[in-house]
PDB file of N, CA and C in Angstrom:
ATOM      1  N   MET A   1       0.850  -1.178   0.000  1.00  0.00           N
ATOM      2  CA  MET A   1       0.000   0.000   0.000  1.00  0.00           C
ATOM      3  C   MET A   1       0.894   1.239   0.000  1.00  0.00           C
ATOM      4  N   LYS A   2       0.539   2.191  -0.850  1.00  0.00           N
ATOM      5  CA  LYS A   2       1.259   3.459  -0.894  1.00  0.00           C
ATOM      6  C   LYS A   2       1.081   4.214   0.412  1.00  0.00           C
ATOM      7  N   LYS A   3       2.108   5.030   0.722  1.00  0.00           N
ATOM      8  CA  LYS A   3       2.065   5.884   1.907  1.00  0.00           C
ATOM      9  C   LYS A   3       2.103   7.345   1.450  1.00  0.00           C
ATOM     10  N   ALA A   4       1.223   8.170   2.037  1.00  0.00           N
ATOM     11  CA  ALA A   4       1.139   9.566   1.620  1.00  0.00           C
ATOM     12  C   ALA A   4       1.072  10.512   2.801  1.00  0.00           C
ATOM     13  N   VAL A   5       1.477  11.736   2.546  1.00  0.00           N
ATOM     14  CA  VAL A   5       1.249  12.870   3.438  1.00  0.00           C
ATOM     15  C   VAL A   5       0.328  13.807   2.661  1.00  0.00           C
ATOM     16  N   ILE A   6      -0.664  14.351   3.343  1.00  0.00           N
ATOM     17  CA  ILE A   6      -1.566  15.326   2.730  1.00  0.00           C
ATOM     18  C   ILE A   6      -1.309  16.679   3.373  1.00  0.00           C
ATOM     19  N   VAL A   7      -1.198  17.704   2.548  1.00  0.00           N
ATOM     20  CA  VAL A   7      -1.036  19.082   3.014  1.00  0.00           C
ATOM     21  C   VAL A   7      -2.285  19.843   2.606  1.00  0.00           C
ATOM     22  N   ALA A   8      -2.943  20.472   3.584  1.00  0.00           N
ATOM     23  CA  ALA A   8      -4.196  21.186   3.320  1.00  0.00           C
ATOM     24  C   ALA A   8      -4.083  22.647   3.733  1.00  0.00           C
ATOM     25  N   CYS A   9      -4.918  23.478   3.150  1.00  0.00           N
ATOM     26  CA  CYS A   9      -4.966  24.909   3.452  1.00  0.00           C
ATOM     27  C   CYS A   9      -5.729  25.135   4.751  1.00  0.00           C
ATOM     28  N   GLY A  10      -5.017  25.562   5.772  1.00  0.00           N
ATOM     29  CA  GLY A  10      -5.632  25.811   7.070  1.00  0.00           C
ATOM     30  C   GLY A  10      -6.648  26.934   7.040  1.00  0.00           C
ATOM     31  N   ALA A  11      -6.368  27.999   6.300  1.00  0.00           N
ATOM     32  CA  ALA A  11      -7.315  29.117   6.219  1.00  0.00           C
ATOM     33  C   ALA A  11      -8.614  28.667   5.590  1.00  0.00           C
ATOM     34  N   TYR A  12      -8.519  27.842   4.575  1.00  0.00           N
ATOM     35  CA  TYR A  12      -9.712  27.337   3.895  1.00  0.00           C
ATOM     36  C   TYR A  12     -10.554  26.495   4.854  1.00  0.00           C
ATOM     37  N   MET A  13      -9.903  25.594   5.566  1.00  0.00           N
ATOM     38  CA  MET A  13     -10.633  24.721   6.487  1.00  0.00           C
ATOM     39  C   MET A  13     -11.190  25.500   7.681  1.00  0.00           C
ATOM     40  N   ASP A  14     -10.387  26.386   8.262  1.00  0.00           N
ATOM     41  CA  ASP A  14     -10.787  27.093   9.479  1.00  0.00           C
ATOM     42  C   ASP A  14     -11.895  28.115   9.261  1.00  0.00           C
ATOM     43  N   ASN A  15     -12.055  28.581   8.037  1.00  0.00           N
ATOM     44  CA  ASN A  15     -13.068  29.598   7.757  1.00  0.00           C
ATOM     45  C   ASN A  15     -14.360  29.029   7.200  1.00  0.00           C
ATOM     46  N   GLY A  16     -14.514  27.717   7.270  1.00  0.00           N
ATOM     47  CA  GLY A  16     -15.781  27.109   6.890  1.00  0.00           C
ATOM     48  C   GLY A  16     -15.976  26.854   5.419  1.00  0.00           C
ATOM     49  N   TYR A  17     -14.932  27.009   4.619  1.00  0.00           N
ATOM     50  CA  TYR A  17     -15.074  26.775   3.186  1.00  0.00           C
ATOM     51  C   TYR A  17     -14.942  25.296   2.833  1.00  0.00           C
ATOM     52  N   GLY A  18     -14.278  24.559   3.670  1.00  0.00           N
ATOM     53  CA  GLY A  18     -14.092  23.130   3.453  1.00  0.00           C
ATOM     54  C   GLY A  18     -14.641  22.398   4.649  1.00  0.00           C
ATOM     55  N   CYS A  19     -14.415  21.118   4.678  1.00  0.00           N
ATOM     56  CA  CYS A  19     -14.908  20.371   5.842  1.00  0.00           C
ATOM     57  C   CYS A  19     -13.796  20.264   6.875  1.00  0.00           C
ATOM     58  N   PRO A  20     -14.129  20.284   8.160  1.00  0.00           N
ATOM     59  CA  PRO A  20     -13.110  20.167   9.191  1.00  0.00           C
ATOM     60  C   PRO A  20     -12.360  18.851   9.044  1.00  0.00           C
ATOM     61  N   GLY A  21     -11.054  18.920   8.993  1.00  0.00           N
ATOM     62  CA  GLY A  21     -10.258  17.711   8.871  1.00  0.00           C
ATOM     63  C   GLY A  21     -10.243  17.136   7.477  1.00  0.00           C
ATOM     64  N   GLU A  22     -10.936  17.786   6.585  1.00  0.00           N
ATOM     65  CA  GLU A  22     -11.005  17.361   5.188  1.00  0.00           C
ATOM     66  C   GLU A  22     -11.250  15.869   5.036  1.00  0.00           C
ATOM     67  N   TRP A  23     -12.375  15.416   5.524  1.00  0.00           N
ATOM     68  CA  TRP A  23     -12.761  14.005   5.411  1.00  0.00           C
ATOM     69  C   TRP A  23     -12.759  13.536   3.968  1.00  0.00           C
ATOM     70  N   ARG A  24     -13.001  14.462   3.024  1.00  0.00           N
ATOM     71  CA  ARG A  24     -13.008  14.064   1.613  1.00  0.00           C
ATOM     72  C   ARG A  24     -11.620  13.624   1.155  1.00  0.00           C
ATOM     73  N   CYS A  25     -10.586  14.304   1.640  1.00  0.00           N
ATOM     74  CA  CYS A  25      -9.214  13.900   1.309  1.00  0.00           C
ATOM     75  C   CYS A  25      -8.925  12.511   1.858  1.00  0.00           C
ATOM     76  N   LEU A  26      -9.312  12.290   3.103  1.00  0.00           N
ATOM     77  CA  LEU A  26      -9.051  11.005   3.745  1.00  0.00           C
ATOM     78  C   LEU A  26      -9.840   9.883   3.089  1.00  0.00           C
ATOM     79  N   LYS A  27     -11.094  10.171   2.719  1.00  0.00           N
ATOM     80  CA  LYS A  27     -11.921   9.166   2.050  1.00  0.00           C
ATOM     81  C   LYS A  27     -11.318   8.793   0.694  1.00  0.00           C
ATOM     82  N   SER A  28     -10.917   9.783  -0.083  1.00  0.00           N
ATOM     83  CA  SER A  28     -10.383   9.483  -1.411  1.00  0.00           C
ATOM     84  C   SER A  28      -9.087   8.678  -1.308  1.00  0.00           C
ATOM     85  N   ALA A  29      -8.281   8.952  -0.293  1.00  0.00           N
ATOM     86  CA  ALA A  29      -7.055   8.165  -0.089  1.00  0.00           C
ATOM     87  C   ALA A  29      -7.410   6.722   0.253  1.00  0.00           C
ATOM     88  N   ALA A  30      -8.325   6.541   1.185  1.00  0.00           N
ATOM     89  CA  ALA A  30      -8.705   5.192   1.619  1.00  0.00           C
ATOM     90  C   ALA A  30      -9.322   4.385   0.488  1.00  0.00           C
ATOM     91  N   MET A  31     -10.091   5.047  -0.375  1.00  0.00           N
ATOM     92  CA  MET A  31     -10.788   4.360  -1.461  1.00  0.00           C
ATOM     93  C   MET A  31      -9.955   4.266  -2.746  1.00  0.00           C
ATOM     94  N   GLY A  32      -8.826   5.002  -2.798  1.00  0.00           N
ATOM     95  CA  GLY A  32      -8.036   5.028  -4.029  1.00  0.00           C
ATOM     96  C   GLY A  32      -8.741   5.788  -5.135  1.00  0.00           C
ATOM     97  N   GLU A  33      -9.456   6.844  -4.776  1.00  0.00           N
ATOM     98  CA  GLU A  33     -10.218   7.641  -5.733  1.00  0.00           C
ATOM     99  C   GLU A  33      -9.545   8.995  -5.950  1.00  0.00           C
ATOM    100  N   GLY A  34     -10.104   9.780  -6.862  1.00  0.00           N
ATOM    101  CA  GLY A  34      -9.581  11.117  -7.125  1.00  0.00           C
ATOM    102  C   GLY A  34      -8.151  11.057  -7.621  1.00  0.00           C
ATOM    103  N   SER A  35      -7.256  11.763  -6.956  1.00  0.00           N
ATOM    104  CA  SER A  35      -5.854  11.817  -7.356  1.00  0.00           C
ATOM    105  C   SER A  35      -5.024  10.656  -6.816  1.00  0.00           C
ATOM    106  N   PHE A  36      -5.657   9.759  -6.085  1.00  0.00           N
ATOM    107  CA  PHE A  36      -4.966   8.573  -5.561  1.00  0.00           C
ATOM    108  C   PHE A  36      -5.212   7.414  -6.522  1.00  0.00           C
ATOM    109  N   ASP A  37      -4.145   6.818  -7.021  1.00  0.00           N
ATOM    110  CA  ASP A  37      -4.300   5.754  -8.009  1.00  0.00           C
ATOM    111  C   ASP A  37      -4.516   4.375  -7.394  1.00  0.00           C
ATOM    112  N   GLU A  38      -4.500   4.310  -6.084  1.00  0.00           N
ATOM    113  CA  GLU A  38      -4.773   3.063  -5.360  1.00  0.00           C
ATOM    114  C   GLU A  38      -5.080   3.424  -3.906  1.00  0.00           C
ATOM    115  N   PRO A  39      -5.705   2.531  -3.137  1.00  0.00           N
ATOM    116  CA  PRO A  39      -5.909   2.813  -1.722  1.00  0.00           C
ATOM    117  C   PRO A  39      -4.561   3.154  -1.072  1.00  0.00           C
ATOM    118  N   THR A  40      -4.563   4.218  -0.300  1.00  0.00           N
ATOM    119  CA  THR A  40      -3.321   4.779   0.228  1.00  0.00           C
ATOM    120  C   THR A  40      -3.432   5.026   1.723  1.00  0.00           C
ATOM    121  N   SER A  41      -2.363   4.705   2.436  1.00  0.00           N
ATOM    122  CA  SER A  41      -2.281   4.971   3.868  1.00  0.00           C
ATOM    123  C   SER A  41      -1.799   6.404   4.072  1.00  0.00           C
ATOM    124  N   VAL A  42      -2.577   7.206   4.801  1.00  0.00           N
ATOM    125  CA  VAL A  42      -2.189   8.584   5.087  1.00  0.00           C
ATOM    126  C   VAL A  42      -1.356   8.584   6.369  1.00  0.00           C
ATOM    127  N   LEU A  43      -0.083   8.927   6.230  1.00  0.00           N
ATOM    128  CA  LEU A  43       0.833   8.934   7.362  1.00  0.00           C
ATOM    129  C   LEU A  43       0.725  10.204   8.185  1.00  0.00           C
ATOM    130  N   ALA A  44       0.409  11.315   7.517  1.00  0.00           N
ATOM    131  CA  ALA A  44       0.305  12.604   8.215  1.00  0.00           C
ATOM    132  C   ALA A  44      -0.603  13.526   7.412  1.00  0.00           C
ATOM    133  N   PHE A  45      -1.279  14.410   8.138  1.00  0.00           N
ATOM    134  CA  PHE A  45      -2.138  15.424   7.544  1.00  0.00           C
ATOM    135  C   PHE A  45      -1.632  16.751   8.093  1.00  0.00           C
ATOM    136  N   VAL A  46      -0.964  17.523   7.256  1.00  0.00           N
ATOM    137  CA  VAL A  46      -0.326  18.768   7.687  1.00  0.00           C
ATOM    138  C   VAL A  46      -1.170  19.943   7.222  1.00  0.00           C
ATOM    139  N   LYS A  47      -1.469  20.828   8.157  1.00  0.00           N
ATOM    140  CA  LYS A  47      -2.270  22.013   7.846  1.00  0.00           C
ATOM    141  C   LYS A  47      -1.341  23.196   7.598  1.00  0.00           C
ATOM    142  N   CYS A  48      -1.424  23.758   6.397  1.00  0.00           N
ATOM    143  CA  CYS A  48      -0.647  24.948   6.064  1.00  0.00           C
ATOM    144  C   CYS A  48      -1.296  26.146   6.767  1.00  0.00           C
ATOM    145  N   THR A  49      -0.488  26.944   7.425  1.00  0.00           N
ATOM    146  CA  THR A  49      -1.005  28.136   8.095  1.00  0.00           C
ATOM    147  C   THR A  49      -0.368  29.372   7.473  1.00  0.00           C
ATOM    148  N   CYS A  50      -1.162  30.409   7.319  1.00  0.00           N
ATOM    149  CA  CYS A  50      -0.694  31.642   6.694  1.00  0.00           C
ATOM    150  C   CYS A  50       0.454  32.248   7.511  1.00  0.00           C
ATOM    151  N   PRO A  51       1.484  32.696   6.860  1.00  0.00           N
ATOM    152  CA  PRO A  51       1.685  32.818   5.421  1.00  0.00           C
ATOM    153  C   PRO A  51       2.367  31.618   4.776  1.00  0.00           C
ATOM    154  N   GLY A  52       2.398  30.485   5.429  1.00  0.00           N
ATOM    155  CA  GLY A  52       2.900  29.259   4.818  1.00  0.00           C
ATOM    156  C   GLY A  52       4.357  28.942   5.082  1.00  0.00           C
ATOM    157  N   ARG A  53       5.088  29.863   5.677  1.00  0.00           N
ATOM    158  CA  ARG A  53       6.522  29.637   5.880  1.00  0.00           C
ATOM    159  C   ARG A  53       6.854  28.367   6.660  1.00  0.00           C
ATOM    160  N   PRO A  54       6.146  28.062   7.744  1.00  0.00           N
ATOM    161  CA  PRO A  54       6.534  26.870   8.512  1.00  0.00           C
ATOM    162  C   PRO A  54       6.068  25.548   7.917  1.00  0.00           C
ATOM    163  N   THR A  55       5.268  25.590   6.872  1.00  0.00           N
ATOM    164  CA  THR A  55       4.658  24.368   6.350  1.00  0.00           C
ATOM    165  C   THR A  55       5.687  23.338   5.893  1.00  0.00           C
ATOM    166  N   ILE A  56       6.685  23.754   5.157  1.00  0.00           N
ATOM    167  CA  ILE A  56       7.673  22.805   4.650  1.00  0.00           C
ATOM    168  C   ILE A  56       8.459  22.195   5.811  1.00  0.00           C
ATOM    169  N   ALA A  57       8.818  23.006   6.794  1.00  0.00           N
ATOM    170  CA  ALA A  57       9.496  22.465   7.976  1.00  0.00           C
ATOM    171  C   ALA A  57       8.584  21.509   8.735  1.00  0.00           C
ATOM    172  N   ASN A  58       7.295  21.833   8.823  1.00  0.00           N
ATOM    173  CA  ASN A  58       6.340  20.955   9.509  1.00  0.00           C
ATOM    174  C   ASN A  58       6.192  19.623   8.790  1.00  0.00           C
ATOM    175  N   ILE A  59       6.243  19.629   7.471  1.00  0.00           N
ATOM    176  CA  ILE A  59       6.192  18.383   6.707  1.00  0.00           C
ATOM    177  C   ILE A  59       7.423  17.545   7.040  1.00  0.00           C
ATOM    178  N   GLY A  60       8.586  18.183   7.056  1.00  0.00           N
ATOM    179  CA  GLY A  60       9.819  17.479   7.405  1.00  0.00           C
ATOM    180  C   GLY A  60       9.759  16.887   8.801  1.00  0.00           C
ATOM    181  N   MET A  61       9.216  17.654   9.757  1.00  0.00           N
ATOM    182  CA  MET A  61       9.091  17.155  11.132  1.00  0.00           C
ATOM    183  C   MET A  61       8.111  15.993  11.198  1.00  0.00           C
ATOM    184  N   ALA A  62       7.027  16.059  10.443  1.00  0.00           N
ATOM    185  CA  ALA A  62       6.042  14.969  10.432  1.00  0.00           C
ATOM    186  C   ALA A  62       6.675  13.691   9.885  1.00  0.00           C
ATOM    187  N   ILE A  63       7.424  13.819   8.809  1.00  0.00           N
ATOM    188  CA  ILE A  63       8.089  12.654   8.221  1.00  0.00           C
ATOM    189  C   ILE A  63       9.083  12.059   9.214  1.00  0.00           C
ATOM    190  N   LYS A  64       9.821  12.922   9.887  1.00  0.00           N
ATOM    191  CA  LYS A  64      10.791  12.443  10.890  1.00  0.00           C
ATOM    192  C   LYS A  64      10.071  11.768  12.055  1.00  0.00           C
ATOM    193  N   ALA A  65       8.973  12.354  12.511  1.00  0.00           N
ATOM    194  CA  ALA A  65       8.239  11.817  13.665  1.00  0.00           C
ATOM    195  C   ALA A  65       7.624  10.455  13.381  1.00  0.00           C
ATOM    196  N   ILE A  66       7.115  10.260  12.179  1.00  0.00           N
ATOM    197  CA  ILE A  66       6.474   8.977  11.863  1.00  0.00           C
ATOM    198  C   ILE A  66       7.497   7.915  11.467  1.00  0.00           C
ATOM    199  N   GLU A  67       8.731   8.355  11.262  1.00  0.00           N
ATOM    200  CA  GLU A  67       9.839   7.453  10.940  1.00  0.00           C
ATOM    201  C   GLU A  67       9.583   6.612   9.693  1.00  0.00           C
ATOM    202  N   MET A  68       8.844   7.190   8.753  1.00  0.00           N
ATOM    203  CA  MET A  68       8.594   6.549   7.463  1.00  0.00           C
ATOM    204  C   MET A  68       8.588   7.630   6.392  1.00  0.00           C
ATOM    205  N   LYS A  69       9.245   7.361   5.295  1.00  0.00           N
ATOM    206  CA  LYS A  69       9.211   8.312   4.189  1.00  0.00           C
ATOM    207  C   LYS A  69       7.982   8.004   3.330  1.00  0.00           C
ATOM    208  N   PRO A  70       7.169   9.008   3.048  1.00  0.00           N
ATOM    209  CA  PRO A  70       6.006   8.760   2.194  1.00  0.00           C
ATOM    210  C   PRO A  70       6.436   8.525   0.757  1.00  0.00           C
ATOM    211  N   ASP A  71       5.580   7.833   0.028  1.00  0.00           N
ATOM    212  CA  ASP A  71       5.812   7.630  -1.406  1.00  0.00           C
ATOM    213  C   ASP A  71       5.434   8.877  -2.191  1.00  0.00           C
ATOM    214  N   VAL A  72       4.504   9.639  -1.628  1.00  0.00           N
ATOM    215  CA  VAL A  72       3.959  10.796  -2.326  1.00  0.00           C
ATOM    216  C   VAL A  72       3.417  11.792  -1.296  1.00  0.00           C
ATOM    217  N   ILE A  73       3.413  13.055  -1.683  1.00  0.00           N
ATOM    218  CA  ILE A  73       2.787  14.113  -0.875  1.00  0.00           C
ATOM    219  C   ILE A  73       1.715  14.739  -1.755  1.00  0.00           C
ATOM    220  N   HIS A  74       0.502  14.849  -1.229  1.00  0.00           N
ATOM    221  CA  HIS A  74      -0.606  15.456  -1.977  1.00  0.00           C
ATOM    222  C   HIS A  74      -0.924  16.827  -1.393  1.00  0.00           C
ATOM    223  N   LEU A  75      -1.026  17.839  -2.249  1.00  0.00           N
ATOM    224  CA  LEU A  75      -1.628  19.094  -1.829  1.00  0.00           C
ATOM    225  C   LEU A  75      -3.123  18.872  -1.948  1.00  0.00           C
ATOM    226  N   SER A  76      -3.867  19.152  -0.892  1.00  0.00           N
ATOM    227  CA  SER A  76      -5.311  18.904  -0.897  1.00  0.00           C
ATOM    228  C   SER A  76      -5.977  19.672  -2.036  1.00  0.00           C
ATOM    229  N   SER A  77      -7.144  19.201  -2.420  1.00  0.00           N
ATOM    230  CA  SER A  77      -7.879  19.873  -3.498  1.00  0.00           C
ATOM    231  C   SER A  77      -8.187  21.317  -3.142  1.00  0.00           C
ATOM    232  N   CYS A  78      -8.468  21.593  -1.849  1.00  0.00           N
ATOM    233  CA  CYS A  78      -8.760  22.982  -1.460  1.00  0.00           C
ATOM    234  C   CYS A  78      -7.524  23.861  -1.603  1.00  0.00           C
ATOM    235  N   MET A  79      -6.357  23.278  -1.487  1.00  0.00           N
ATOM    236  CA  MET A  79      -5.129  24.047  -1.629  1.00  0.00           C
ATOM    237  C   MET A  79      -4.726  24.166  -3.099  1.00  0.00           C
ATOM    238  N   ALA A  80      -4.833  23.090  -3.824  1.00  0.00           N
ATOM    239  CA  ALA A  80      -4.412  23.072  -5.227  1.00  0.00           C
ATOM    240  C   ALA A  80      -5.357  23.843  -6.141  1.00  0.00           C
ATOM    241  N   ASN A  81      -6.642  23.900  -5.769  1.00  0.00           N
ATOM    242  CA  ASN A  81      -7.652  24.519  -6.636  1.00  0.00           C
ATOM    243  C   ASN A  81      -8.319  25.740  -6.022  1.00  0.00           C
ATOM    244  N   ALA A  82      -7.701  26.363  -5.049  1.00  0.00           N
ATOM    245  CA  ALA A  82      -8.317  27.486  -4.333  1.00  0.00           C
ATOM    246  C   ALA A  82      -8.641  28.644  -5.271  1.00  0.00           C
ATOM    247  N   LYS A  83      -9.840  29.189  -5.094  1.00  0.00           N
ATOM    248  CA  LYS A  83     -10.283  30.366  -5.837  1.00  0.00           C
ATOM    249  C   LYS A  83     -10.863  31.356  -4.844  1.00  0.00           C
ATOM    250  N   PRO A  84     -10.280  32.488  -4.586  1.00  0.00           N
ATOM    251  CA  PRO A  84      -9.006  32.934  -5.126  1.00  0.00           C
ATOM    252  C   PRO A  84      -7.856  32.130  -4.527  1.00  0.00           C
ATOM    253  N   GLY A  85      -6.736  32.155  -5.195  1.00  0.00           N
ATOM    254  CA  GLY A  85      -5.559  31.425  -4.739  1.00  0.00           C
ATOM    255  C   GLY A  85      -4.924  32.062  -3.512  1.00  0.00           C
ATOM    256  N   CYS A  86      -3.979  31.383  -2.970  1.00  0.00           N
ATOM    257  CA  CYS A  86      -3.257  31.869  -1.796  1.00  0.00           C
ATOM    258  C   CYS A  86      -2.535  33.176  -2.138  1.00  0.00           C
ATOM    259  N   PRO A  87      -2.656  34.195  -1.270  1.00  0.00           N
ATOM    260  CA  PRO A  87      -1.978  35.454  -1.549  1.00  0.00           C
ATOM    261  C   PRO A  87      -0.480  35.409  -1.251  1.00  0.00           C
ATOM    262  N   TYR A  88       0.001  34.332  -0.627  1.00  0.00           N
ATOM    263  CA  TYR A  88       1.395  34.255  -0.206  1.00  0.00           C
ATOM    264  C   TYR A  88       2.272  33.415  -1.134  1.00  0.00           C
ATOM    265  N   ILE A  89       1.736  32.278  -1.603  1.00  0.00           N
ATOM    266  CA  ILE A  89       2.508  31.386  -2.468  1.00  0.00           C
ATOM    267  C   ILE A  89       1.531  30.558  -3.295  1.00  0.00           C
ATOM    268  N   SER A  90       1.835  30.389  -4.552  1.00  0.00           N
ATOM    269  CA  SER A  90       0.938  29.583  -5.391  1.00  0.00           C
ATOM    270  C   SER A  90       1.106  28.112  -5.032  1.00  0.00           C
ATOM    271  N   ALA A  91       0.102  27.341  -5.349  1.00  0.00           N
ATOM    272  CA  ALA A  91       0.168  25.899  -5.088  1.00  0.00           C
ATOM    273  C   ALA A  91       1.339  25.284  -5.846  1.00  0.00           C
ATOM    274  N   GLU A  92       1.585  25.746  -7.040  1.00  0.00           N
ATOM    275  CA  GLU A  92       2.694  25.222  -7.840  1.00  0.00           C
ATOM    276  C   GLU A  92       4.034  25.532  -7.189  1.00  0.00           C
ATOM    277  N   GLU A  93       4.185  26.760  -6.666  1.00  0.00           N
ATOM    278  CA  GLU A  93       5.425  27.123  -5.982  1.00  0.00           C
ATOM    279  C   GLU A  93       5.599  26.310  -4.702  1.00  0.00           C
ATOM    280  N   MET A  94       4.511  26.095  -3.972  1.00  0.00           N
ATOM    281  CA  MET A  94       4.571  25.294  -2.751  1.00  0.00           C
ATOM    282  C   MET A  94       4.972  23.859  -3.084  1.00  0.00           C
ATOM    283  N   ALA A  95       4.375  23.305  -4.125  1.00  0.00           N
ATOM    284  CA  ALA A  95       4.700  21.931  -4.528  1.00  0.00           C
ATOM    285  C   ALA A  95       6.181  21.803  -4.867  1.00  0.00           C
ATOM    286  N   LYS A  96       6.695  22.751  -5.617  1.00  0.00           N
ATOM    287  CA  LYS A  96       8.107  22.710  -6.012  1.00  0.00           C
ATOM    288  C   LYS A  96       9.011  22.813  -4.783  1.00  0.00           C
ATOM    289  N   ALA A  97       8.679  23.699  -3.860  1.00  0.00           N
ATOM    290  CA  ALA A  97       9.486  23.861  -2.652  1.00  0.00           C
ATOM    291  C   ALA A  97       9.458  22.586  -1.797  1.00  0.00           C
ATOM    292  N   ILE A  98       8.294  21.950  -1.697  1.00  0.00           N
ATOM    293  CA  ILE A  98       8.180  20.704  -0.921  1.00  0.00           C
ATOM    294  C   ILE A  98       9.010  19.602  -1.572  1.00  0.00           C
ATOM    295  N   GLU A  99       8.899  19.462  -2.894  1.00  0.00           N
ATOM    296  CA  GLU A  99       9.672  18.431  -3.602  1.00  0.00           C
ATOM    297  C   GLU A  99      11.168  18.656  -3.421  1.00  0.00           C
ATOM    298  N   THR A 100      11.605  19.913  -3.528  1.00  0.00           N
ATOM    299  CA  THR A 100      13.023  20.241  -3.383  1.00  0.00           C
ATOM    300  C   THR A 100      13.522  19.881  -1.986  1.00  0.00           C
ATOM    301  N   LYS A 101      12.737  20.209  -0.971  1.00  0.00           N
ATOM    302  CA  LYS A 101      13.150  19.977   0.420  1.00  0.00           C
ATOM    303  C   LYS A 101      13.089  18.505   0.814  1.00  0.00           C
ATOM    304  N   THR A 102      12.057  17.783   0.369  1.00  0.00           N
ATOM    305  CA  THR A 102      11.847  16.413   0.846  1.00  0.00           C
ATOM    306  C   THR A 102      12.334  15.341  -0.126  1.00  0.00           C
ATOM    307  N   GLY A 103      12.433  15.667  -1.403  1.00  0.00           N
ATOM    308  CA  GLY A 103      12.772  14.672  -2.402  1.00  0.00           C
ATOM    309  C   GLY A 103      11.616  13.732  -2.724  1.00  0.00           C
ATOM    310  N   VAL A 104      10.405  14.103  -2.300  1.00  0.00           N
ATOM    311  CA  VAL A 104       9.211  13.287  -2.511  1.00  0.00           C
ATOM    312  C   VAL A 104       8.321  13.979  -3.545  1.00  0.00           C
ATOM    313  N   LYS A 105       7.792  13.200  -4.477  1.00  0.00           N
ATOM    314  CA  LYS A 105       6.904  13.737  -5.516  1.00  0.00           C
ATOM    315  C   LYS A 105       5.659  14.351  -4.884  1.00  0.00           C
ATOM    316  N   VAL A 106       5.253  15.511  -5.384  1.00  0.00           N
ATOM    317  CA  VAL A 106       4.041  16.176  -4.918  1.00  0.00           C
ATOM    318  C   VAL A 106       2.981  16.095  -6.013  1.00  0.00           C
ATOM    319  N   VAL A 107       1.784  15.674  -5.625  1.00  0.00           N
ATOM    320  CA  VAL A 107       0.639  15.592  -6.528  1.00  0.00           C
ATOM    321  C   VAL A 107      -0.323  16.720  -6.192  1.00  0.00           C
ATOM    322  N   MET A 108      -0.835  17.372  -7.211  1.00  0.00           N
ATOM    323  CA  MET A 108      -1.774  18.467  -7.003  1.00  0.00           C
ATOM    324  C   MET A 108      -3.185  17.901  -6.867  1.00  0.00           C
ATOM    325  N   GLY A 109      -3.772  18.043  -5.703  1.00  0.00           N
ATOM    326  CA  GLY A 109      -5.151  17.615  -5.469  1.00  0.00           C
ATOM    327  C   GLY A 109      -5.254  16.268  -4.799  1.00  0.00           C
ATOM    328  N   THR A 110      -6.454  16.031  -4.264  1.00  0.00           N
ATOM    329  CA  THR A 110      -6.735  14.782  -3.561  1.00  0.00           C
ATOM    330  C   THR A 110      -8.014  14.133  -4.049  1.00  0.00           C
ATOM    331  N   HIS A 111      -9.076  14.910  -4.227  1.00  0.00           N
ATOM    332  CA  HIS A 111     -10.387  14.330  -4.555  1.00  0.00           C
ATOM    333  C   HIS A 111     -11.117  15.174  -5.590  1.00  0.00           C
ATOM    334  N   ASP A 112     -12.166  14.565  -6.144  1.00  0.00           N
ATOM    335  CA  ASP A 112     -13.025  15.254  -7.116  1.00  0.00           C
ATOM    336  C   ASP A 112     -14.434  15.444  -6.564  1.00  0.00           C
ATOM    337  N   TYR A 113     -14.623  15.162  -5.285  1.00  0.00           N
ATOM    338  CA  TYR A 113     -15.964  15.269  -4.693  1.00  0.00           C
ATOM    339  C   TYR A 113     -16.391  16.728  -4.662  1.00  0.00           C
ATOM    340  N   LYS A 114     -17.684  16.953  -4.773  1.00  0.00           N
ATOM    341  CA  LYS A 114     -18.223  18.321  -4.718  1.00  0.00           C
ATOM    342  C   LYS A 114     -18.747  18.609  -3.347  1.00  0.00           C
TER     343      LYS A 114
END
């Protein structure tokens, strides 16, 4: 089974635009739906907080704490498809920075649920 870390937009979740804890991300991982090509074990769920600076370090700490390297890191659908987008860093820039720091492939999005 693949192992993943999910990174979600904290502002989006905390302001009522998404669901608390993003159950849709977790469901799509468990079912192998959306951007997950097979049922996937979620090792960590990291919430990005504005302005996003600590997020990459928090991902690194999560990976160290769980003592397992994920196969993939997913930016949640609310983060990858935000309208309007993040005023601090684009999802594409965040993905590139995460890949550079961790050496783990980043996938844009988690689910297609409405």
